[in-house]
C-alpha atoms as a PDB file:
ATOM      1  CA  MET A   1      77.493 -40.488 143.497  1.00  0.00           C
ATOM      2  CA  LEU A   2      79.402 -38.428 141.646  1.00  0.00           C
ATOM      3  CA  PHE A   3      82.211 -40.965 140.825  1.00  0.00           C
ATOM      4  CA  SER A   4      78.067 -42.616 139.363  1.00  0.00           C
ATOM      5  CA  CYS A   5      78.282 -39.712 137.464  1.00  0.00           C
ATOM      6  CA  LEU A   6      81.670 -40.004 135.067  1.00  0.00           C
ATOM      7  CA  ALA A   7      81.173 -43.809 135.174  1.00  0.00           C
ATOM      8  CA  LEU A   8      78.090 -43.088 132.915  1.00  0.00           C
ATOM      9  CA  LEU A   9      79.958 -40.253 131.286  1.00  0.00           C
ATOM     10  CA  LEU A  10      83.028 -42.477 129.994  1.00  0.00           C
ATOM     11  CA  ALA A  11      79.937 -44.935 129.647  1.00  0.00           C
ATOM     12  CA  THR A  12      78.160 -43.598 127.055  1.00  0.00           C
ATOM     13  CA  GLY A  13      81.107 -41.953 125.192  1.00  0.00           C
ATOM     14  CA  CYS A  14      81.331 -38.629 125.997  1.00  0.00           C
ATOM     15  CA  SER A  15      84.782 -37.594 126.049  1.00  0.00           C
ATOM     16  CA  ARG A  16      84.707 -33.322 125.579  1.00  0.00           C
ATOM     17  CA  LEU A  17      81.626 -30.872 126.912  1.00  0.00           C
ATOM     18  CA  ALA A  18      80.148 -27.816 124.265  1.00  0.00           C
ATOM     19  CA  TYR A  19      78.540 -24.450 125.268  1.00  0.00           C
ATOM     20  CA  LYS A  20      75.900 -22.903 122.146  1.00  0.00           C
ATOM     21  CA  PRO A  21      75.512 -19.197 122.955  1.00  0.00           C
ATOM     22  CA  ASN A  22      72.209 -17.981 123.511  1.00  0.00           C
ATOM     23  CA  GLN A  23      70.592 -16.799 120.053  1.00  0.00           C
ATOM     24  CA  GLN A  24      68.730 -13.749 120.679  1.00  0.00           C
ATOM     25  CA  ALA A  25      71.189 -12.861 122.864  1.00  0.00           C
ATOM     26  CA  ALA A  26      73.606 -13.332 119.204  1.00  0.00           C
ATOM     27  CA  ALA A  27      71.105 -11.017 117.134  1.00  0.00           C
ATOM     28  CA  ALA A  28      69.835  -8.795 119.598  1.00  0.00           C
ATOM     29  CA  ALA A  29      74.403  -8.449 119.848  1.00  0.00           C
ATOM     30  CA  ASP A  30      74.613  -8.278 115.582  1.00  0.00           C
ATOM     31  CA  GLN A  31      71.540  -5.384 115.564  1.00  0.00           C
ATOM     32  CA  GLN A  32      72.780  -2.872 118.663  1.00  0.00           C
ATOM     33  CA  MET A  33      76.123  -3.489 115.999  1.00  0.00           C
ATOM     34  CA  GLN A  34      73.680  -1.739 112.736  1.00  0.00           C
ATOM     35  CA  LEU A  35      72.219   0.784 115.256  1.00  0.00           C
ATOM     36  CA  VAL A  36      75.535   1.803 116.272  1.00  0.00           C
ATOM     37  CA  ALA A  37      76.311   1.386 112.807  1.00  0.00           C
ATOM     38  CA  GLN A  38      74.220   3.475 110.802  1.00  0.00           C
ATOM     39  CA  GLN A  39      74.620   6.109 114.244  1.00  0.00           C
ATOM     40  CA  ASN A  40      77.914   7.041 112.501  1.00  0.00           C
ATOM     41  CA  GLN A  41      76.692   7.259 109.171  1.00  0.00           C
ATOM     42  CA  GLU A  42      73.978   9.383 110.209  1.00  0.00           C
ATOM     43  CA  TYR A  43      76.448  10.967 112.342  1.00  0.00           C
ATOM     44  CA  GLN A  44      79.046  11.128 109.262  1.00  0.00           C
ATOM     45  CA  SER A  45      76.600  12.594 106.757  1.00  0.00           C
ATOM     46  CA  ARG A  46      75.250  15.460 109.044  1.00  0.00           C
ATOM     47  CA  ALA A  47      79.024  16.551 109.692  1.00  0.00           C
ATOM     48  CA  GLN A  48      79.570  16.323 105.459  1.00  0.00           C
ATOM     49  CA  SER A  49      76.757  19.268 105.738  1.00  0.00           C
ATOM     50  CA  LEU A  50      77.737  21.162 108.158  1.00  0.00           C
ATOM     51  CA  ASP A  51      81.042  20.797 106.696  1.00  0.00           C
ATOM     52  CA  ARG A  52      79.735  22.988 103.415  1.00  0.00           C
ATOM     53  CA  ASP A  53      76.807  24.862 105.061  1.00  0.00           C
ATOM     54  CA  ASN A  54      80.244  26.118 106.741  1.00  0.00           C
ATOM     55  CA  GLN A  55      82.491  26.511 103.247  1.00  0.00           C
ATOM     56  CA  GLU A  56      79.290  28.656 101.988  1.00  0.00           C
ATOM     57  CA  LEU A  57      79.101  31.151 105.276  1.00  0.00           C
ATOM     58  CA  GLU A  58      82.325  31.124 105.340  1.00  0.00           C
ATOM     59  CA  ALA A  59      82.083  32.328 101.225  1.00  0.00           C
ATOM     60  CA  ILE A  60      78.906  33.971 101.620  1.00  0.00           C
ATOM     61  CA  LEU A  61      80.861  36.019 104.887  1.00  0.00           C
ATOM     62  CA  ALA A  62      83.763  36.770 102.088  1.00  0.00           C
ATOM     63  CA  GLN A  63      81.444  38.575 100.026  1.00  0.00           C
ATOM     64  CA  SER A  64      80.098  41.241 102.561  1.00  0.00           C
ATOM     65  CA  ARG A  65      83.560  41.755 103.272  1.00  0.00           C
ATOM     66  CA  GLN A  66      84.514  42.123  99.657  1.00  0.00           C
ATOM     67  CA  LYS A  67      81.035  44.627  98.943  1.00  0.00           C
ATOM     68  CA  VAL A  68      81.809  45.847 102.915  1.00  0.00           C
ATOM     69  CA  GLN A  69      85.379  47.321 101.559  1.00  0.00           C
ATOM     70  CA  LEU A  70      84.027  48.762  98.118  1.00  0.00           C
ATOM     71  CA  LEU A  71      81.482  50.568 100.148  1.00  0.00           C
ATOM     72  CA  THR A  72      84.429  51.942 102.687  1.00  0.00           C
ATOM     73  CA  ASP A  73      86.261  53.074  99.042  1.00  0.00           C
ATOM     74  CA  GLU A  74      83.326  55.068  97.602  1.00  0.00           C
ATOM     75  CA  ILE A  75      82.660  56.570 101.052  1.00  0.00           C
ATOM     76  CA  ASN A  76      86.145  58.195 101.331  1.00  0.00           C
ATOM     77  CA  THR A  77      86.246  58.908  96.780  1.00  0.00           C
ATOM     78  CA  THR A  78      82.424  60.374  97.487  1.00  0.00           C
ATOM     79  CA  ARG A  79      83.999  62.629 100.607  1.00  0.00           C
ATOM     80  CA  ASP A  80      86.938  63.594  98.665  1.00  0.00           C
ATOM     81  CA  GLN A  81      85.131  64.934  96.065  1.00  0.00           C
ATOM     82  CA  LEU A  82      83.056  66.988  98.241  1.00  0.00           C
ATOM     83  CA  ARG A  83      86.049  67.792 100.557  1.00  0.00           C
ATOM     84  CA  ALA A  84      87.573  69.456  96.512  1.00  0.00           C
ATOM     85  CA  THR A  85      84.546  70.706  96.520  1.00  0.00           C
ATOM     86  CA  THR A  86      83.572  72.875  98.927  1.00  0.00           C
ATOM     87  CA  ASP A  87      87.520  74.656  98.599  1.00  0.00           C
ATOM     88  CA  GLN A  88      86.460  75.436  95.501  1.00  0.00           C
ATOM     89  CA  LEU A  89      83.092  77.315  96.466  1.00  0.00           C
ATOM     90  CA  VAL A  90      85.369  78.984  99.020  1.00  0.00           C
ATOM     91  CA  ALA A  91      87.905  80.337  96.603  1.00  0.00           C
ATOM     92  CA  LEU A  92      84.759  82.036  94.793  1.00  0.00           C
ATOM     93  CA  ARG A  93      83.345  82.560  97.514  1.00  0.00           C
ATOM     94  CA  GLU A  94      86.518  85.150  98.125  1.00  0.00           C
ATOM     95  CA  ASP A  95      87.114  85.689  94.117  1.00  0.00           C
ATOM     96  CA  ASN A  96      83.837  87.037  94.512  1.00  0.00           C
ATOM     97  CA  SER A  97      84.053  89.202  97.219  1.00  0.00           C
ATOM     98  CA  GLN A  98      86.906  90.519  96.551  1.00  0.00           C
ATOM     99  CA  LEU A  99      85.376  91.100  92.834  1.00  0.00           C
ATOM    100  CA  ARG A 100      82.266  93.353  95.308  1.00  0.00           C
ATOM    101  CA  THR A 101      84.347  94.728  96.941  1.00  0.00           C
ATOM    102  CA  LYS A 102      86.182  96.785  93.809  1.00  0.00           C
ATOM    103  CA  THR A 103      83.203  97.397  92.258  1.00  0.00           C
ATOM    104  CA  SER A 104      82.564  98.942  95.292  1.00  0.00           C
ATOM    105  CA  ALA A 105      85.276 100.605  95.936  1.00  0.00           C
ATOM    106  CA  LEU A 106      85.126 101.913  91.666  1.00  0.00           C
ATOM    107  CA  MET A 107      81.845 103.417  92.401  1.00  0.00           C
ATOM    108  CA  ALA A 108      82.788 105.618  95.734  1.00  0.00           C
ATOM    109  CA  SER A 109      84.974 106.987  93.222  1.00  0.00           C
ATOM    110  CA  ALA A 110      83.366 107.832  90.745  1.00  0.00           C
ATOM    111  CA  SER A 111      82.270 110.770  91.575  1.00  0.00           C
ATOM    112  CA  GLN A 112      85.775 111.926  92.378  1.00  0.00           C
ATOM    113  CA  ARG A 113      86.426 111.170  89.130  1.00  0.00           C
ATOM    114  CA  GLU A 114      87.323 113.861  86.497  1.00  0.00           C
ATOM    115  CA  GLN A 115      85.788 113.302  83.305  1.00  0.00           C
ATOM    116  CA  GLY A 116      87.828 112.623  79.720  1.00  0.00           C
ATOM    117  CA  GLU A 117      86.757 111.840  76.542  1.00  0.00           C
ATOM    118  CA  ILE A 118      89.304 109.205  74.274  1.00  0.00           C
ATOM    119  CA  ARG A 119      88.726 109.755  70.099  1.00  0.00           C
ATOM    120  CA  ALA A 120      89.198 108.062  67.328  1.00  0.00           C
ATOM    121  CA  ASN A 121      92.192 110.784  66.514  1.00  0.00           C
ATOM    122  CA  ASN A 122      92.977 111.874  69.958  1.00  0.00           C
ATOM    123  CA  SER A 123      96.883 111.131  69.799  1.00  0.00           C
ATOM    124  CA  MET A 124      97.467 108.938  72.500  1.00  0.00           C
ATOM    125  CA  LEU A 125      96.126 106.659  69.962  1.00  0.00           C
ATOM    126  CA  LYS A 126      99.073 107.179  67.354  1.00  0.00           C
ATOM    127  CA  ASN A 127     101.430 106.909  70.358  1.00  0.00           C
ATOM    128  CA  LEU A 128     100.790 102.900  70.559  1.00  0.00           C
ATOM    129  CA  ALA A 129     102.129  99.951  69.223  1.00  0.00           C
ATOM    130  CA  LEU A 130      99.790  97.430  70.369  1.00  0.00           C
ATOM    131  CA  ALA A 131      98.508  96.921  66.824  1.00  0.00           C
ATOM    132  CA  ASP A 132     102.149  95.326  66.649  1.00  0.00           C
ATOM    133  CA  LEU A 133     101.816  92.507  69.159  1.00  0.00           C
ATOM    134  CA  PRO A 134     100.753  88.956  67.629  1.00  0.00           C
ATOM    135  CA  GLY A 135      97.118  88.432  68.085  1.00  0.00           C
ATOM    136  CA  VAL A 136      97.016  92.142  70.324  1.00  0.00           C
ATOM    137  CA  GLN A 137      93.363  93.991  67.603  1.00  0.00           C
ATOM    138  CA  VAL A 138      93.124  97.630  68.594  1.00  0.00           C
ATOM    139  CA  ARG A 139      89.538  99.814  68.216  1.00  0.00           C
ATOM    140  CA  GLN A 140      86.896 102.257  69.094  1.00  0.00           C
ATOM    141  CA  ASP A 141      83.791 101.789  71.058  1.00  0.00           C
ATOM    142  CA  GLY A 142      82.519 105.670  71.557  1.00  0.00           C
ATOM    143  CA  ASP A 143      85.137 106.640  74.130  1.00  0.00           C
ATOM    144  CA  LEU A 144      85.969 103.746  75.205  1.00  0.00           C
ATOM    145  CA  LEU A 145      89.856 102.021  73.005  1.00  0.00           C
ATOM    146  CA  ARG A 146      89.141  98.516  73.882  1.00  0.00           C
ATOM    147  CA  VAL A 147      92.634  96.375  73.392  1.00  0.00           C
ATOM    148  CA  GLU A 148      91.202  92.991  72.953  1.00  0.00           C
ATOM    149  CA  ILE A 149      93.854  89.833  73.555  1.00  0.00           C
ATOM    150  CA  PRO A 150      92.502  86.254  72.296  1.00  0.00           C
ATOM    151  CA  ALA A 151      91.929  83.892  75.476  1.00  0.00           C
ATOM    152  CA  ASP A 152      93.402  81.183  73.126  1.00  0.00           C
ATOM    153  CA  GLN A 153      96.772  82.997  73.902  1.00  0.00           C
ATOM    154  CA  LEU A 154      96.373  83.562  77.707  1.00  0.00           C
ATOM    155  CA  PHE A 155      94.699  80.842  78.890  1.00  0.00           C
ATOM    156  CA  MET A 156      95.476  77.073  78.863  1.00  0.00           C
ATOM    157  CA  PRO A 157      91.419  75.410  77.169  1.00  0.00           C
ATOM    158  CA  GLY A 158      88.913  76.121  79.941  1.00  0.00           C
ATOM    159  CA  SER A 159      90.684  77.690  82.589  1.00  0.00           C
ATOM    160  CA  PRO A 160      91.709  80.433  84.317  1.00  0.00           C
ATOM    161  CA  TYR A 161      95.251  79.427  83.859  1.00  0.00           C
ATOM    162  CA  LEU A 162      97.831  81.680  82.302  1.00  0.00           C
ATOM    163  CA  LYS A 163     100.269  80.133  79.692  1.00  0.00           C
ATOM    164  CA  ASP A 164     104.167  80.133  80.530  1.00  0.00           C
ATOM    165  CA  ASP A 165     103.955  82.804  77.765  1.00  0.00           C
ATOM    166  CA  ALA A 166     100.511  84.632  78.944  1.00  0.00           C
ATOM    167  CA  LYS A 167     102.650  87.095  81.429  1.00  0.00           C
ATOM    168  CA  GLN A 168     105.559  88.683  78.740  1.00  0.00           C
ATOM    169  CA  LEU A 169     101.885  89.524  76.049  1.00  0.00           C
ATOM    170  CA  LEU A 170      99.495  90.635  79.435  1.00  0.00           C
ATOM    171  CA  ALA A 171     103.020  92.928  80.291  1.00  0.00           C
ATOM    172  CA  SER A 172     104.278  94.309  77.115  1.00  0.00           C
ATOM    173  CA  VAL A 173     100.113  95.227  76.319  1.00  0.00           C
ATOM    174  CA  ALA A 174      99.944  97.005  80.048  1.00  0.00           C
ATOM    175  CA  ILE A 175     103.218  98.616  80.165  1.00  0.00           C
ATOM    176  CA  ASP A 176     102.131 100.373  76.271  1.00  0.00           C
ATOM    177  CA  LEU A 177      98.472 100.611  78.518  1.00  0.00           C
ATOM    178  CA  ARG A 178      99.871 103.138  81.301  1.00  0.00           C
ATOM    179  CA  GLN A 179     102.488 105.734  79.328  1.00  0.00           C
ATOM    180  CA  ASN A 180      99.586 106.764  77.136  1.00  0.00           C
ATOM    181  CA  PHE A 181      97.291 106.307  80.542  1.00  0.00           C
ATOM    182  CA  PRO A 182      97.970 106.706  83.141  1.00  0.00           C
ATOM    183  CA  GLU A 183      95.483 108.144  84.602  1.00  0.00           C
ATOM    184  CA  HIS A 184      92.418 106.711  83.555  1.00  0.00           C
ATOM    185  CA  ILE A 185      91.147 103.157  84.892  1.00  0.00           C
ATOM    186  CA  ILE A 186      90.662 100.276  82.559  1.00  0.00           C
ATOM    187  CA  GLY A 187      88.859  97.192  82.842  1.00  0.00           C
ATOM    188  CA  ILE A 188      90.188  93.865  82.598  1.00  0.00           C
ATOM    189  CA  GLU A 189      87.045  92.083  81.207  1.00  0.00           C
ATOM    190  CA  GLY A 190      86.807  89.135  80.785  1.00  0.00           C
ATOM    191  CA  HIS A 191      84.581  86.627  77.414  1.00  0.00           C
ATOM    192  CA  THR A 192      83.998  83.199  76.149  1.00  0.00           C
ATOM    193  CA  ASP A 193      82.082  81.775  73.258  1.00  0.00           C
ATOM    194  CA  ASP A 194      78.705  80.182  73.579  1.00  0.00           C
ATOM    195  CA  SER A 195      80.253  76.431  74.232  1.00  0.00           C
ATOM    196  CA  SER A 196      78.961  74.449  77.442  1.00  0.00           C
ATOM    197  CA  THR A 197      82.356  74.726  80.454  1.00  0.00           C
ATOM    198  CA  HIS A 198      81.581  70.941  82.402  1.00  0.00           C
ATOM    199  CA  SER A 199      83.395  71.999  85.597  1.00  0.00           C
ATOM    200  CA  GLN A 200      82.204  71.370  88.840  1.00  0.00           C
ATOM    201  CA  GLN A 201      84.711  74.613  89.306  1.00  0.00           C
ATOM    202  CA  PHE A 202      83.028  76.732  86.765  1.00  0.00           C
ATOM    203  CA  PRO A 203      79.744  75.648  86.407  1.00  0.00           C
ATOM    204  CA  SER A 204      78.744  79.149  83.943  1.00  0.00           C
ATOM    205  CA  ASN A 205      81.028  80.961  81.436  1.00  0.00           C
ATOM    206  CA  HIS A 206      80.959  83.995  83.670  1.00  0.00           C
ATOM    207  CA  HIS A 207      82.456  82.230  86.934  1.00  0.00           C
ATOM    208  CA  LEU A 208      85.529  81.483  83.720  1.00  0.00           C
ATOM    209  CA  SER A 209      85.388  84.207  81.847  1.00  0.00           C
ATOM    210  CA  ALA A 210      85.013  86.691  86.021  1.00  0.00           C
ATOM    211  CA  ALA A 211      88.808  84.050  86.574  1.00  0.00           C
ATOM    212  CA  GLN A 212      89.873  85.410  83.773  1.00  0.00           C
ATOM    213  CA  SER A 213      90.498  87.921  84.082  1.00  0.00           C
ATOM    214  CA  LEU A 214      91.435  87.765  88.050  1.00  0.00           C
ATOM    215  CA  SER A 215      94.105  85.925  87.157  1.00  0.00           C
ATOM    216  CA  VAL A 216      95.109  88.546  84.486  1.00  0.00           C
ATOM    217  CA  TYR A 217      94.428  91.365  87.267  1.00  0.00           C
ATOM    218  CA  ASN A 218      96.573  89.843  89.934  1.00  0.00           C
ATOM    219  CA  ALA A 219      99.741  89.070  87.022  1.00  0.00           C
ATOM    220  CA  LEU A 220      99.463  92.448  86.403  1.00  0.00           C
ATOM    221  CA  ILE A 221      99.198  93.427  90.626  1.00  0.00           C
ATOM    222  CA  GLU A 222     101.848  91.617  91.642  1.00  0.00           C
ATOM    223  CA  ARG A 223     104.718  92.136  88.311  1.00  0.00           C
ATOM    224  CA  GLY A 224     103.659  95.803  89.866  1.00  0.00           C
ATOM    225  CA  THR A 225     103.133  96.674  85.265  1.00  0.00           C
ATOM    226  CA  LEU A 226      99.479  98.165  86.420  1.00  0.00           C
ATOM    227  CA  PRO A 227      98.233 100.499  89.723  1.00  0.00           C
ATOM    228  CA  ALA A 228      96.017  98.311  91.344  1.00  0.00           C
ATOM    229  CA  VAL A 229      93.990 101.835  92.021  1.00  0.00           C
ATOM    230  CA  GLN A 230      93.919 102.272  87.714  1.00  0.00           C
ATOM    231  CA  LEU A 231      92.221  98.537  87.355  1.00  0.00           C
ATOM    232  CA  PHE A 232      88.779  96.915  87.712  1.00  0.00           C
ATOM    233  CA  VAL A 233      88.256  93.043  86.102  1.00  0.00           C
ATOM    234  CA  ILE A 234      84.489  92.018  85.067  1.00  0.00           C
ATOM    235  CA  GLY A 235      83.496  88.527  83.338  1.00  0.00           C
ATOM    236  CA  HIS A 236      80.720  88.480  80.830  1.00  0.00           C
ATOM    237  CA  GLY A 237      80.645  85.324  79.282  1.00  0.00           C
ATOM    238  CA  GLY A 238      79.421  84.822  76.296  1.00  0.00           C
ATOM    239  CA  ASN A 239      76.959  88.376  76.965  1.00  0.00           C
ATOM    240  CA  HIS A 240      78.991  90.142  73.652  1.00  0.00           C
ATOM    241  CA  ALA A 241      80.104  88.178  71.174  1.00  0.00           C
ATOM    242  CA  VAL A 242      81.691  90.337  68.478  1.00  0.00           C
ATOM    243  CA  VAL A 243      81.797  87.727  65.047  1.00  0.00           C
ATOM    244  CA  SER A 244      78.872  84.553  65.327  1.00  0.00           C
ATOM    245  CA  ASN A 245      79.891  81.105  67.683  1.00  0.00           C
ATOM    246  CA  ALA A 246      78.887  78.992  64.601  1.00  0.00           C
ATOM    247  CA  THR A 247      82.095  78.501  63.486  1.00  0.00           C
ATOM    248  CA  GLU A 248      85.126  77.242  65.319  1.00  0.00           C
ATOM    249  CA  ALA A 249      87.090  80.372  63.448  1.00  0.00           C
ATOM    250  CA  GLY A 250      83.871  82.113  65.242  1.00  0.00           C
ATOM    251  CA  LYS A 251      84.053  80.779  68.644  1.00  0.00           C
ATOM    252  CA  ALA A 252      88.108  81.323  69.143  1.00  0.00           C
ATOM    253  CA  ARG A 253      87.119  84.990  68.642  1.00  0.00           C
ATOM    254  CA  ASN A 254      84.741  85.809  71.047  1.00  0.00           C
ATOM    255  CA  ARG A 255      87.486  84.828  73.312  1.00  0.00           C
ATOM    256  CA  ARG A 256      88.885  86.904  74.201  1.00  0.00           C
ATOM    257  CA  ILE A 257      90.322  89.327  77.004  1.00  0.00           C
ATOM    258  CA  GLU A 258      89.706  93.475  76.354  1.00  0.00           C
ATOM    259  CA  PHE A 259      91.664  96.023  78.105  1.00  0.00           C
ATOM    260  CA  VAL A 260      89.313  98.569  77.326  1.00  0.00           C
ATOM    261  CA  VAL A 261      90.387 101.696  78.582  1.00  0.00           C
ATOM    262  CA  TYR A 262      88.002 104.696  80.430  1.00  0.00           C
ATOM    263  CA  PRO A 263      87.331 108.150  79.938  1.00  0.00           C
ATOM    264  CA  GLU A 264      87.112 108.820  83.772  1.00  0.00           C
ATOM    265  CA  ARG A 265      89.780 108.960  85.228  1.00  0.00           C
ATOM    266  CA  ILE A 266      91.238 107.571  88.782  1.00  0.00           C
ATOM    267  CA  ALA A 267      90.888 110.554  91.178  1.00  0.00           C
ATOM    268  CA  SER A 268      94.065 112.938  92.391  1.00  0.00           C
ATOM    269  CA  ARG A 269      96.109 111.211  94.816  1.00  0.00           C
END
């Protein structure tokens, strides 16, 4: 039978066999490849979108970190300012406490002081050399003697900090007063003009004038120029102007320290 088939093929002139694939299978394969390619393109598009989202998130995160750093810096700055303000308040309270103590001591000893009078023609006034000091003025005020020194000669502008040559001037004034009034009560009184202080440390002219008076007091006590028992300090602010504040010259005149010699004398020691 096999030989019969071979003979038949040879007789019909067929020399080879041909295989034709199934067209339906080929179409399915093409469709599958197209689907894979489409999915691959979608995956790439999603990956690019995720990459952009990631970059945006990183930018937002960087901005957030920067804002957090700025807020942290502001908080630290505010803490430093609060700490400095607290220190200044503590210092002012200590100064006020010292002022109250000295005022109380002065009032307590007032009943024990000997009464006296300082007259304009008193021989002690003739011995004073204060009027020869630059910028220093001496004037009679009833029973009081006032020695006026411009604050601009003593302090850095708007502060209680003494200039380099201020202590020598104060010592010259104090030595003269001690020689002529060794037993009289002497007030160190601070005065300002009517300008605002613009300072957290000295929020008013009363604070500033009191601090200036205390600086003078401390400078004299440290050198032993005048005994502490003979002195007290007062800050009047701008309440007792001697001239109008309408001009700069008037303001400068009103900014002053006054040594005020009182008729009262210190108690016998």
